[in-house]
């Protein structure tokens, strides 16, 4: 079995495709990514509409196999809107960060064109601490079920600071509910899509 390729979650606290980011900085990043073929690069945005104008034209003609393009889809509305755009962008791997999860998305997954999305990261909100918005564990269960039916690889990252289950607060000991042993067994899922580089 081939060893797992290292992954880089690029600018995890920023947005590479934000128009406020300098073009010169973006060009430096594209050059770095092209040079570092030994890494799988994860690029995440809330602005997929900017990808077509900001990504190098050569990548759009011939997608780099070590670049994974992702969008945030925190509820059904945004999942549908952003995935629809992402699906039109040439990419080796497409993924969605369903974090913070703010509503169910299983219905949206089931109505996404087949093979549009390869990977779904699921997680409740933690950045706001005690003010975190609720995360219903049922949303994760339903999303995982939908993923299984449509060939999407699921990864549950955390429950966040305000998880609920069957309408009641769900007890967690770790901050943000990051310990899988605390979760219902139905959502203890942490899988990765296969790298496109072999």
N, C-alpha and C. Protein backbone atom coordinates (compact mmCIF):
# COMPACT_ATOMS: atom_id res chain seq x y z
N UNK A 1 0.84 -1.19 0.00
CA UNK A 1 0.00 0.00 0.00
C UNK A 1 0.89 1.25 0.00
N UNK A 2 0.55 2.21 -0.84
CA UNK A 2 1.34 3.43 -0.94
C UNK A 2 1.17 4.27 0.32
N UNK A 3 2.23 4.95 0.79
CA UNK A 3 2.11 5.81 1.96
C UNK A 3 1.17 6.98 1.70
N UNK A 4 0.55 7.47 2.77
CA UNK A 4 -0.38 8.60 2.66
C UNK A 4 0.40 9.85 2.24
N UNK A 5 -0.11 10.55 1.24
CA UNK A 5 0.53 11.80 0.83
C UNK A 5 0.21 12.89 1.84
N UNK A 6 1.18 13.75 2.17
CA UNK A 6 0.89 14.86 3.07
C UNK A 6 -0.02 15.88 2.40
N UNK A 7 -0.89 16.47 3.22
CA UNK A 7 -1.83 17.48 2.73
C UNK A 7 -1.53 18.82 3.39
N UNK A 8 -1.75 19.89 2.65
CA UNK A 8 -1.58 21.25 3.17
C UNK A 8 -2.91 21.97 3.06
N UNK A 9 -3.49 22.35 4.21
CA UNK A 9 -4.72 23.15 4.20
C UNK A 9 -4.26 24.59 4.12
N UNK A 10 -4.19 25.10 2.91
CA UNK A 10 -3.60 26.41 2.63
C UNK A 10 -4.50 27.55 3.12
N UNK A 11 -3.89 28.49 3.88
CA UNK A 11 -4.61 29.68 4.35
C UNK A 11 -5.91 29.29 5.05
N UNK A 12 -5.81 28.40 6.02
CA UNK A 12 -7.02 27.86 6.67
C UNK A 12 -7.83 28.93 7.39
N UNK A 13 -7.20 30.04 7.75
CA UNK A 13 -7.92 31.13 8.42
C UNK A 13 -8.12 32.33 7.50
N UNK A 14 -7.93 32.11 6.22
CA UNK A 14 -8.10 33.19 5.23
C UNK A 14 -8.81 32.63 4.01
N UNK A 15 -8.95 33.45 2.98
CA UNK A 15 -9.60 33.01 1.74
C UNK A 15 -8.74 33.45 0.57
N UNK A 16 -8.10 32.49 -0.06
CA UNK A 16 -7.22 32.77 -1.19
C UNK A 16 -7.95 33.51 -2.30
N UNK A 17 -9.26 33.27 -2.41
CA UNK A 17 -10.02 33.84 -3.52
C UNK A 17 -10.79 35.11 -3.13
N UNK A 18 -10.42 35.71 -2.02
CA UNK A 18 -10.98 36.99 -1.62
C UNK A 18 -10.38 38.09 -2.49
N UNK A 19 -11.21 38.94 -3.06
CA UNK A 19 -10.72 40.01 -3.94
C UNK A 19 -9.81 40.98 -3.19
N UNK A 20 -9.91 41.02 -1.86
CA UNK A 20 -9.06 41.92 -1.07
C UNK A 20 -7.62 41.41 -0.99
N UNK A 21 -7.41 40.12 -1.25
CA UNK A 21 -6.05 39.57 -1.21
C UNK A 21 -5.29 40.06 -2.44
N UNK A 22 -4.05 40.49 -2.25
CA UNK A 22 -3.27 41.03 -3.40
C UNK A 22 -3.02 39.96 -4.46
N UNK A 23 -3.16 40.35 -5.71
CA UNK A 23 -2.90 39.42 -6.82
C UNK A 23 -1.47 38.91 -6.81
N UNK A 24 -0.53 39.77 -6.43
CA UNK A 24 0.87 39.36 -6.41
C UNK A 24 1.09 38.23 -5.41
N UNK A 25 0.42 38.31 -4.28
CA UNK A 25 0.52 37.24 -3.27
C UNK A 25 -0.04 35.94 -3.82
N UNK A 26 -1.19 36.06 -4.53
CA UNK A 26 -1.80 34.86 -5.11
C UNK A 26 -0.87 34.22 -6.15
N UNK A 27 -0.25 35.04 -6.97
CA UNK A 27 0.66 34.50 -7.98
C UNK A 27 1.85 33.77 -7.34
N UNK A 28 2.36 34.32 -6.24
CA UNK A 28 3.44 33.65 -5.52
C UNK A 28 2.97 32.29 -5.00
N UNK A 29 1.72 32.25 -4.51
CA UNK A 29 1.18 31.00 -3.99
C UNK A 29 1.03 29.98 -5.11
N UNK A 30 0.50 30.40 -6.27
CA UNK A 30 0.34 29.46 -7.38
C UNK A 30 1.69 28.87 -7.79
N UNK A 31 2.71 29.70 -7.81
CA UNK A 31 4.05 29.21 -8.16
C UNK A 31 4.54 28.19 -7.14
N UNK A 32 4.33 28.50 -5.87
CA UNK A 32 4.74 27.57 -4.81
C UNK A 32 4.02 26.24 -4.94
N UNK A 33 2.71 26.28 -5.19
CA UNK A 33 1.93 25.05 -5.33
C UNK A 33 2.43 24.22 -6.50
N UNK A 34 2.73 24.88 -7.62
CA UNK A 34 3.24 24.16 -8.78
C UNK A 34 4.58 23.48 -8.49
N UNK A 35 5.40 24.13 -7.66
CA UNK A 35 6.71 23.58 -7.34
C UNK A 35 6.63 22.44 -6.32
N UNK A 36 5.61 22.45 -5.49
CA UNK A 36 5.48 21.46 -4.41
C UNK A 36 4.50 20.36 -4.80
N UNK A 37 4.87 19.61 -5.80
CA UNK A 37 4.00 18.55 -6.32
C UNK A 37 3.90 17.37 -5.36
N UNK A 38 4.80 17.30 -4.40
CA UNK A 38 4.76 16.20 -3.43
C UNK A 38 3.73 16.38 -2.34
N UNK A 39 3.00 17.48 -2.36
CA UNK A 39 1.96 17.76 -1.38
C UNK A 39 0.62 17.88 -2.08
N UNK A 40 -0.45 17.44 -1.41
CA UNK A 40 -1.80 17.73 -1.89
C UNK A 40 -2.25 19.03 -1.23
N UNK A 41 -2.62 20.01 -2.04
CA UNK A 41 -2.98 21.35 -1.56
C UNK A 41 -4.49 21.50 -1.48
N UNK A 42 -5.00 21.84 -0.31
CA UNK A 42 -6.44 22.04 -0.10
C UNK A 42 -6.73 23.54 -0.09
N UNK A 43 -7.48 24.02 -1.07
CA UNK A 43 -7.87 25.42 -1.16
C UNK A 43 -9.36 25.54 -0.89
N UNK A 44 -9.72 26.37 0.09
CA UNK A 44 -11.12 26.51 0.52
C UNK A 44 -11.57 27.94 0.37
N UNK A 45 -12.81 28.14 -0.11
CA UNK A 45 -13.33 29.50 -0.29
C UNK A 45 -14.83 29.57 -0.06
N UNK A 46 -15.28 30.77 0.27
CA UNK A 46 -16.70 31.09 0.26
C UNK A 46 -17.04 31.86 -1.01
N UNK A 47 -16.05 32.02 -1.88
CA UNK A 47 -16.21 32.84 -3.09
C UNK A 47 -15.83 32.04 -4.34
N UNK A 48 -16.49 30.93 -4.60
CA UNK A 48 -16.10 30.13 -5.77
C UNK A 48 -16.28 30.85 -7.09
N UNK A 49 -17.11 31.88 -7.10
CA UNK A 49 -17.32 32.64 -8.34
C UNK A 49 -16.02 33.32 -8.79
N UNK A 50 -15.06 33.48 -7.89
CA UNK A 50 -13.78 34.11 -8.25
C UNK A 50 -12.75 33.13 -8.79
N UNK A 51 -13.02 31.84 -8.68
CA UNK A 51 -12.03 30.85 -9.08
C UNK A 51 -11.67 30.94 -10.56
N UNK A 52 -12.66 31.12 -11.40
CA UNK A 52 -12.41 31.12 -12.85
C UNK A 52 -11.49 32.26 -13.27
N UNK A 53 -11.54 33.39 -12.57
CA UNK A 53 -10.71 34.53 -12.95
C UNK A 53 -9.39 34.57 -12.17
N UNK A 54 -9.33 33.89 -11.03
CA UNK A 54 -8.13 33.97 -10.19
C UNK A 54 -7.18 32.78 -10.33
N UNK A 55 -7.71 31.62 -10.66
CA UNK A 55 -6.84 30.46 -10.87
C UNK A 55 -6.05 30.62 -12.17
N UNK A 56 -4.85 30.08 -12.24
CA UNK A 56 -4.09 30.15 -13.50
C UNK A 56 -4.86 29.48 -14.64
N UNK A 57 -4.82 30.09 -15.81
CA UNK A 57 -5.53 29.54 -16.96
C UNK A 57 -5.06 28.13 -17.28
N UNK A 58 -3.78 27.86 -17.05
CA UNK A 58 -3.25 26.52 -17.34
C UNK A 58 -3.90 25.47 -16.43
N UNK A 59 -4.23 25.86 -15.18
CA UNK A 59 -4.88 24.91 -14.26
C UNK A 59 -6.30 24.61 -14.72
N UNK A 60 -6.95 25.60 -15.32
CA UNK A 60 -8.32 25.40 -15.77
C UNK A 60 -8.36 24.51 -17.01
N UNK A 61 -7.33 24.62 -17.84
CA UNK A 61 -7.25 23.76 -19.02
C UNK A 61 -6.85 22.34 -18.65
N UNK A 62 -5.94 22.24 -17.69
CA UNK A 62 -5.41 20.93 -17.30
C UNK A 62 -5.23 20.94 -15.77
N UNK A 63 -6.27 20.59 -15.01
CA UNK A 63 -6.23 20.70 -13.55
C UNK A 63 -5.04 19.94 -12.94
N UNK A 64 -4.37 20.59 -12.00
CA UNK A 64 -3.27 19.94 -11.30
C UNK A 64 -3.83 18.85 -10.40
N UNK A 65 -3.23 17.67 -10.46
CA UNK A 65 -3.76 16.53 -9.73
C UNK A 65 -3.52 16.62 -8.23
N UNK A 66 -2.67 17.56 -7.82
CA UNK A 66 -2.41 17.70 -6.38
C UNK A 66 -3.09 18.93 -5.78
N UNK A 67 -4.05 19.51 -6.50
CA UNK A 67 -4.80 20.65 -5.99
C UNK A 67 -6.26 20.25 -5.79
N UNK A 68 -6.75 20.40 -4.56
CA UNK A 68 -8.13 20.07 -4.21
C UNK A 68 -8.88 21.39 -3.98
N UNK A 69 -9.94 21.63 -4.73
CA UNK A 69 -10.70 22.86 -4.61
C UNK A 69 -11.94 22.63 -3.76
N UNK A 70 -12.12 23.50 -2.75
CA UNK A 70 -13.25 23.32 -1.84
C UNK A 70 -14.02 24.61 -1.59
N UNK A 71 -15.27 24.43 -1.16
CA UNK A 71 -16.12 25.55 -0.78
C UNK A 71 -16.74 25.26 0.60
N UNK A 72 -17.13 26.34 1.27
CA UNK A 72 -17.88 26.20 2.52
C UNK A 72 -19.36 26.10 2.17
N UNK A 73 -20.02 25.13 2.80
CA UNK A 73 -21.47 24.96 2.60
C UNK A 73 -22.14 24.70 3.93
N UNK A 74 -22.42 25.76 4.67
CA UNK A 74 -22.87 25.62 6.06
C UNK A 74 -24.32 25.22 6.24
N UNK A 75 -25.11 25.38 5.20
CA UNK A 75 -26.51 24.95 5.23
C UNK A 75 -26.93 24.62 3.80
N UNK A 76 -28.18 24.21 3.65
CA UNK A 76 -28.65 23.74 2.34
C UNK A 76 -28.55 24.83 1.28
N UNK A 77 -28.89 26.05 1.64
CA UNK A 77 -28.86 27.16 0.67
C UNK A 77 -27.45 27.39 0.13
N UNK A 78 -26.48 27.52 1.05
CA UNK A 78 -25.13 27.82 0.62
C UNK A 78 -24.44 26.62 0.02
N UNK A 79 -24.73 25.44 0.52
CA UNK A 79 -24.19 24.23 -0.10
C UNK A 79 -24.60 24.18 -1.57
N UNK A 80 -25.88 24.36 -1.83
CA UNK A 80 -26.40 24.27 -3.19
C UNK A 80 -25.79 25.33 -4.10
N UNK A 81 -25.76 26.58 -3.63
CA UNK A 81 -25.24 27.68 -4.45
C UNK A 81 -23.76 27.50 -4.77
N UNK A 82 -22.98 27.21 -3.74
CA UNK A 82 -21.53 27.15 -3.95
C UNK A 82 -21.10 25.88 -4.67
N UNK A 83 -21.75 24.76 -4.37
CA UNK A 83 -21.39 23.52 -5.07
C UNK A 83 -21.76 23.61 -6.55
N UNK A 84 -22.84 24.29 -6.86
CA UNK A 84 -23.22 24.46 -8.26
C UNK A 84 -22.12 25.19 -9.02
N UNK A 85 -21.52 26.20 -8.39
CA UNK A 85 -20.41 26.91 -9.03
C UNK A 85 -19.16 26.03 -9.07
N UNK A 86 -18.85 25.41 -7.93
CA UNK A 86 -17.66 24.56 -7.86
C UNK A 86 -17.69 23.45 -8.90
N UNK A 87 -18.86 22.93 -9.15
CA UNK A 87 -19.01 21.84 -10.11
C UNK A 87 -18.63 22.27 -11.53
N UNK A 88 -18.63 23.57 -11.77
CA UNK A 88 -18.27 24.08 -13.11
C UNK A 88 -16.78 24.38 -13.24
N UNK A 89 -16.04 24.23 -12.14
CA UNK A 89 -14.60 24.53 -12.15
C UNK A 89 -13.83 23.23 -12.34
N UNK A 90 -12.97 23.13 -13.35
CA UNK A 90 -12.16 21.92 -13.51
C UNK A 90 -11.28 21.69 -12.28
N UNK A 91 -11.31 20.49 -11.71
CA UNK A 91 -10.52 20.18 -10.52
C UNK A 91 -10.31 18.69 -10.42
N UNK A 92 -9.17 18.30 -9.84
CA UNK A 92 -8.90 16.88 -9.63
C UNK A 92 -9.75 16.34 -8.50
N UNK A 93 -9.89 17.14 -7.43
CA UNK A 93 -10.71 16.77 -6.27
C UNK A 93 -11.52 17.99 -5.87
N UNK A 94 -12.81 17.78 -5.65
CA UNK A 94 -13.69 18.85 -5.16
C UNK A 94 -14.20 18.45 -3.78
N UNK A 95 -14.27 19.42 -2.87
CA UNK A 95 -14.70 19.10 -1.52
C UNK A 95 -15.49 20.25 -0.91
N UNK A 96 -16.22 19.92 0.16
CA UNK A 96 -17.04 20.90 0.85
C UNK A 96 -16.74 20.85 2.35
N UNK A 97 -16.57 22.03 2.94
CA UNK A 97 -16.46 22.14 4.39
C UNK A 97 -17.84 22.52 4.91
N UNK A 98 -18.53 21.54 5.48
CA UNK A 98 -19.85 21.75 6.09
C UNK A 98 -19.59 22.09 7.56
N UNK A 99 -18.93 23.25 7.72
CA UNK A 99 -18.51 23.69 9.04
C UNK A 99 -18.38 25.20 9.04
N UNK A 100 -19.00 25.90 9.96
CA UNK A 100 -19.88 25.30 10.96
C UNK A 100 -21.20 24.83 10.35
N UNK A 101 -21.61 23.67 10.75
CA UNK A 101 -22.90 23.14 10.28
C UNK A 101 -24.01 23.94 10.94
N UNK A 102 -24.82 24.60 10.12
CA UNK A 102 -25.89 25.46 10.66
C UNK A 102 -27.28 25.00 10.24
N UNK A 103 -27.37 23.84 9.62
CA UNK A 103 -28.65 23.31 9.20
C UNK A 103 -28.42 22.01 8.45
N UNK A 104 -29.47 21.25 8.20
CA UNK A 104 -29.30 19.98 7.48
C UNK A 104 -28.94 20.21 6.02
N UNK A 105 -28.14 19.31 5.45
CA UNK A 105 -27.79 19.42 4.02
C UNK A 105 -27.99 18.11 3.26
N UNK A 106 -28.52 17.08 3.92
CA UNK A 106 -28.66 15.78 3.24
C UNK A 106 -29.47 15.91 1.95
N UNK A 107 -30.54 16.69 1.99
CA UNK A 107 -31.38 16.87 0.80
C UNK A 107 -30.56 17.50 -0.33
N UNK A 108 -29.73 18.49 0.01
CA UNK A 108 -28.91 19.15 -1.01
C UNK A 108 -27.89 18.18 -1.60
N UNK A 109 -27.30 17.33 -0.75
CA UNK A 109 -26.35 16.34 -1.25
C UNK A 109 -27.02 15.42 -2.26
N UNK A 110 -28.22 14.99 -1.94
CA UNK A 110 -28.95 14.06 -2.80
C UNK A 110 -29.35 14.67 -4.13
N UNK A 111 -29.36 16.01 -4.21
CA UNK A 111 -29.75 16.67 -5.45
C UNK A 111 -28.57 17.36 -6.14
N UNK A 112 -27.36 17.02 -5.71
CA UNK A 112 -26.16 17.51 -6.37
C UNK A 112 -25.82 16.54 -7.50
N UNK A 113 -25.39 17.05 -8.64
CA UNK A 113 -25.02 16.14 -9.73
C UNK A 113 -24.01 15.09 -9.26
N UNK A 114 -24.17 13.89 -9.72
CA UNK A 114 -23.28 12.81 -9.34
C UNK A 114 -21.83 13.16 -9.67
N UNK A 115 -20.94 12.75 -8.79
CA UNK A 115 -19.50 12.93 -8.93
C UNK A 115 -19.06 14.38 -8.83
N UNK A 116 -19.97 15.28 -8.43
CA UNK A 116 -19.58 16.67 -8.30
C UNK A 116 -18.65 16.88 -7.11
N UNK A 117 -18.89 16.17 -6.01
CA UNK A 117 -18.14 16.35 -4.78
C UNK A 117 -17.48 15.04 -4.38
N UNK A 118 -16.22 15.13 -3.96
CA UNK A 118 -15.47 13.95 -3.56
C UNK A 118 -15.40 13.78 -2.04
N UNK A 119 -15.46 14.89 -1.29
CA UNK A 119 -15.16 14.83 0.14
C UNK A 119 -16.01 15.85 0.88
N UNK A 120 -16.51 15.48 2.06
CA UNK A 120 -17.32 16.38 2.90
C UNK A 120 -16.76 16.37 4.31
N UNK A 121 -16.35 17.55 4.79
CA UNK A 121 -15.91 17.71 6.17
C UNK A 121 -17.09 18.26 6.97
N UNK A 122 -17.39 17.64 8.11
CA UNK A 122 -18.55 18.00 8.93
C UNK A 122 -18.08 18.47 10.30
N UNK A 123 -18.65 19.59 10.78
CA UNK A 123 -18.26 20.04 12.11
C UNK A 123 -19.17 21.11 12.66
N UNK A 124 -19.36 21.07 13.98
CA UNK A 124 -20.13 22.10 14.66
C UNK A 124 -19.27 23.33 14.95
N UNK A 125 -19.92 24.41 15.33
CA UNK A 125 -19.23 25.69 15.53
C UNK A 125 -18.51 25.72 16.87
N UNK A 126 -17.27 26.25 16.84
CA UNK A 126 -16.51 26.36 18.08
C UNK A 126 -15.92 27.75 18.29
N UNK A 127 -15.79 28.52 17.27
CA UNK A 127 -15.09 29.80 17.38
C UNK A 127 -15.76 30.77 18.35
N UNK A 128 -17.06 30.62 18.56
CA UNK A 128 -17.78 31.56 19.41
C UNK A 128 -17.87 31.12 20.87
N UNK A 129 -17.24 30.00 21.20
CA UNK A 129 -17.29 29.52 22.59
C UNK A 129 -18.69 29.29 23.07
N UNK A 130 -19.06 29.93 24.16
CA UNK A 130 -20.39 29.71 24.74
C UNK A 130 -21.50 30.27 23.86
N UNK A 131 -21.14 31.12 22.89
CA UNK A 131 -22.14 31.69 21.99
C UNK A 131 -22.27 30.87 20.70
N UNK A 132 -21.63 29.71 20.65
CA UNK A 132 -21.68 28.89 19.45
C UNK A 132 -23.11 28.50 19.12
N UNK A 133 -23.42 28.49 17.85
CA UNK A 133 -24.76 28.09 17.41
C UNK A 133 -24.89 26.57 17.48
N UNK A 134 -26.10 26.08 17.73
CA UNK A 134 -26.30 24.64 17.94
C UNK A 134 -25.95 23.81 16.70
N UNK A 135 -25.44 22.62 16.96
CA UNK A 135 -25.14 21.64 15.92
C UNK A 135 -25.91 20.36 16.27
N UNK A 136 -26.90 20.03 15.45
CA UNK A 136 -27.68 18.82 15.68
C UNK A 136 -26.93 17.62 15.11
N UNK A 137 -26.62 16.68 15.97
CA UNK A 137 -25.87 15.50 15.54
C UNK A 137 -26.62 14.75 14.44
N UNK A 138 -27.94 14.85 14.44
CA UNK A 138 -28.72 14.21 13.37
C UNK A 138 -28.35 14.74 12.00
N UNK A 139 -27.95 16.02 11.92
CA UNK A 139 -27.52 16.57 10.63
C UNK A 139 -26.32 15.80 10.11
N UNK A 140 -25.39 15.49 11.02
CA UNK A 140 -24.19 14.73 10.62
C UNK A 140 -24.57 13.32 10.20
N UNK A 141 -25.46 12.68 10.97
CA UNK A 141 -25.88 11.32 10.63
C UNK A 141 -26.50 11.28 9.24
N UNK A 142 -27.40 12.23 8.97
CA UNK A 142 -28.08 12.25 7.67
C UNK A 142 -27.11 12.58 6.54
N UNK A 143 -26.15 13.48 6.81
CA UNK A 143 -25.18 13.83 5.78
C UNK A 143 -24.29 12.64 5.45
N UNK A 144 -23.87 11.90 6.47
CA UNK A 144 -23.04 10.71 6.24
C UNK A 144 -23.79 9.69 5.41
N UNK A 145 -25.07 9.47 5.75
CA UNK A 145 -25.89 8.53 4.97
C UNK A 145 -25.98 8.96 3.52
N UNK A 146 -26.22 10.26 3.29
CA UNK A 146 -26.30 10.77 1.92
C UNK A 146 -24.96 10.61 1.20
N UNK A 147 -23.88 10.88 1.90
CA UNK A 147 -22.54 10.71 1.30
C UNK A 147 -22.34 9.27 0.83
N UNK A 148 -22.71 8.32 1.68
CA UNK A 148 -22.53 6.91 1.34
C UNK A 148 -23.29 6.54 0.07
N UNK A 149 -24.45 7.15 -0.10
CA UNK A 149 -25.26 6.84 -1.27
C UNK A 149 -24.78 7.49 -2.55
N UNK A 150 -23.92 8.51 -2.43
CA UNK A 150 -23.53 9.26 -3.61
C UNK A 150 -22.01 9.29 -3.83
N UNK A 151 -21.30 8.38 -3.19
CA UNK A 151 -19.88 8.26 -3.45
C UNK A 151 -19.02 9.38 -2.90
N UNK A 152 -19.51 10.08 -1.89
CA UNK A 152 -18.76 11.16 -1.26
C UNK A 152 -18.11 10.62 0.01
N UNK A 153 -16.86 10.97 0.23
CA UNK A 153 -16.14 10.49 1.42
C UNK A 153 -16.38 11.46 2.58
N UNK A 154 -16.94 10.99 3.72
CA UNK A 154 -17.23 11.89 4.85
C UNK A 154 -16.10 11.91 5.89
N UNK A 155 -15.95 13.06 6.53
CA UNK A 155 -14.98 13.24 7.61
C UNK A 155 -15.62 14.12 8.67
N UNK A 156 -15.89 13.58 9.85
CA UNK A 156 -16.46 14.38 10.94
C UNK A 156 -15.30 14.93 11.75
N UNK A 157 -15.22 16.25 11.83
CA UNK A 157 -14.09 16.91 12.49
C UNK A 157 -14.35 17.14 13.97
N UNK A 158 -15.54 17.65 14.30
CA UNK A 158 -15.83 17.99 15.69
C UNK A 158 -17.33 18.24 15.86
N UNK A 159 -17.78 18.24 17.12
CA UNK A 159 -19.19 18.52 17.42
C UNK A 159 -19.42 20.00 17.70
N UNK A 160 -18.36 20.76 17.90
CA UNK A 160 -18.51 22.16 18.26
C UNK A 160 -18.82 22.30 19.74
N UNK A 161 -19.11 23.53 20.16
CA UNK A 161 -19.35 23.81 21.58
C UNK A 161 -20.81 23.73 21.98
N UNK A 162 -21.72 23.50 21.03
CA UNK A 162 -23.15 23.45 21.38
C UNK A 162 -23.86 22.31 20.64
N UNK A 163 -23.38 21.06 20.79
CA UNK A 163 -24.05 19.96 20.10
C UNK A 163 -25.36 19.57 20.79
N UNK A 164 -26.30 19.12 19.98
CA UNK A 164 -27.55 18.58 20.51
C UNK A 164 -27.82 17.23 19.85
N UNK A 165 -28.65 16.44 20.51
CA UNK A 165 -29.01 15.13 19.95
C UNK A 165 -30.43 14.82 20.36
N UNK A 166 -31.29 14.60 19.38
CA UNK A 166 -32.71 14.37 19.62
C UNK A 166 -33.32 15.49 20.46
N UNK A 167 -32.90 16.72 20.13
CA UNK A 167 -33.50 17.89 20.76
C UNK A 167 -32.94 18.27 22.12
N UNK A 168 -31.96 17.55 22.61
CA UNK A 168 -31.38 17.85 23.92
C UNK A 168 -29.89 18.15 23.80
N UNK A 169 -29.35 18.97 24.72
CA UNK A 169 -27.90 19.21 24.71
C UNK A 169 -27.14 17.88 24.83
N UNK A 170 -26.08 17.76 24.06
CA UNK A 170 -25.29 16.53 24.09
C UNK A 170 -24.02 16.80 24.89
N UNK A 171 -23.76 16.01 25.94
CA UNK A 171 -22.62 16.30 26.81
C UNK A 171 -21.27 16.01 26.13
N UNK A 172 -20.35 16.96 26.26
CA UNK A 172 -18.98 16.78 25.77
C UNK A 172 -18.02 17.23 26.87
N UNK A 173 -16.88 16.60 26.94
CA UNK A 173 -15.86 16.98 27.93
C UNK A 173 -14.77 17.84 27.30
N UNK A 174 -14.46 17.57 26.04
CA UNK A 174 -13.40 18.33 25.37
C UNK A 174 -13.97 19.59 24.73
N UNK A 175 -13.17 20.65 24.72
CA UNK A 175 -13.61 21.87 24.06
C UNK A 175 -13.84 21.60 22.58
N UNK A 176 -14.94 22.05 22.07
CA UNK A 176 -15.34 21.90 20.66
C UNK A 176 -15.70 20.46 20.31
N UNK A 177 -15.71 19.57 21.28
CA UNK A 177 -16.13 18.19 21.00
C UNK A 177 -15.28 17.53 19.95
N UNK A 178 -13.97 17.60 20.11
CA UNK A 178 -13.06 17.06 19.10
C UNK A 178 -12.68 15.60 19.31
N UNK A 179 -13.10 15.00 20.41
CA UNK A 179 -12.70 13.63 20.73
C UNK A 179 -13.76 12.64 20.24
N UNK A 180 -13.45 11.85 19.20
CA UNK A 180 -14.44 10.94 18.62
C UNK A 180 -15.01 9.92 19.62
N UNK A 181 -14.25 9.57 20.64
CA UNK A 181 -14.78 8.58 21.60
C UNK A 181 -15.98 9.12 22.36
N UNK A 182 -16.17 10.43 22.36
CA UNK A 182 -17.33 11.04 23.03
C UNK A 182 -18.58 11.04 22.14
N UNK A 183 -18.40 10.79 20.87
CA UNK A 183 -19.50 10.92 19.92
C UNK A 183 -20.35 9.66 19.85
N UNK A 184 -21.59 9.81 19.38
CA UNK A 184 -22.35 8.60 19.02
C UNK A 184 -21.57 7.81 17.96
N UNK A 185 -21.62 6.52 18.03
CA UNK A 185 -20.85 5.68 17.11
C UNK A 185 -21.22 5.94 15.66
N UNK A 186 -22.45 6.37 15.43
CA UNK A 186 -22.94 6.59 14.06
C UNK A 186 -22.17 7.66 13.31
N UNK A 187 -21.48 8.55 14.02
CA UNK A 187 -20.76 9.63 13.33
C UNK A 187 -19.25 9.57 13.54
N UNK A 188 -18.75 8.49 14.06
CA UNK A 188 -17.29 8.35 14.23
C UNK A 188 -16.66 7.98 12.89
N UNK A 189 -16.62 8.95 12.03
CA UNK A 189 -16.16 8.74 10.65
C UNK A 189 -15.11 9.78 10.31
N UNK A 190 -13.92 9.32 9.99
CA UNK A 190 -12.85 10.24 9.57
C UNK A 190 -12.11 9.61 8.40
N UNK A 191 -12.61 9.90 7.20
CA UNK A 191 -12.05 9.30 5.99
C UNK A 191 -11.56 10.40 5.05
N UNK A 192 -10.61 10.03 4.20
CA UNK A 192 -10.07 10.95 3.21
C UNK A 192 -10.27 10.39 1.82
N UNK A 193 -10.50 11.26 0.85
CA UNK A 193 -10.55 10.77 -0.54
C UNK A 193 -9.16 10.33 -0.97
N UNK A 194 -9.11 9.49 -1.94
CA UNK A 194 -7.82 9.03 -2.45
C UNK A 194 -7.15 10.14 -3.23
N UNK A 195 -5.86 10.30 -2.98
CA UNK A 195 -5.09 11.31 -3.72
C UNK A 195 -5.14 10.97 -5.20
N UNK A 196 -5.17 12.00 -6.03
CA UNK A 196 -5.14 11.80 -7.48
C UNK A 196 -3.73 11.61 -7.99
N UNK A 197 -2.73 11.78 -7.10
CA UNK A 197 -1.34 11.61 -7.48
C UNK A 197 -0.86 10.28 -6.93
N UNK A 198 -0.33 9.43 -7.76
CA UNK A 198 0.11 8.10 -7.31
C UNK A 198 1.58 7.89 -7.64
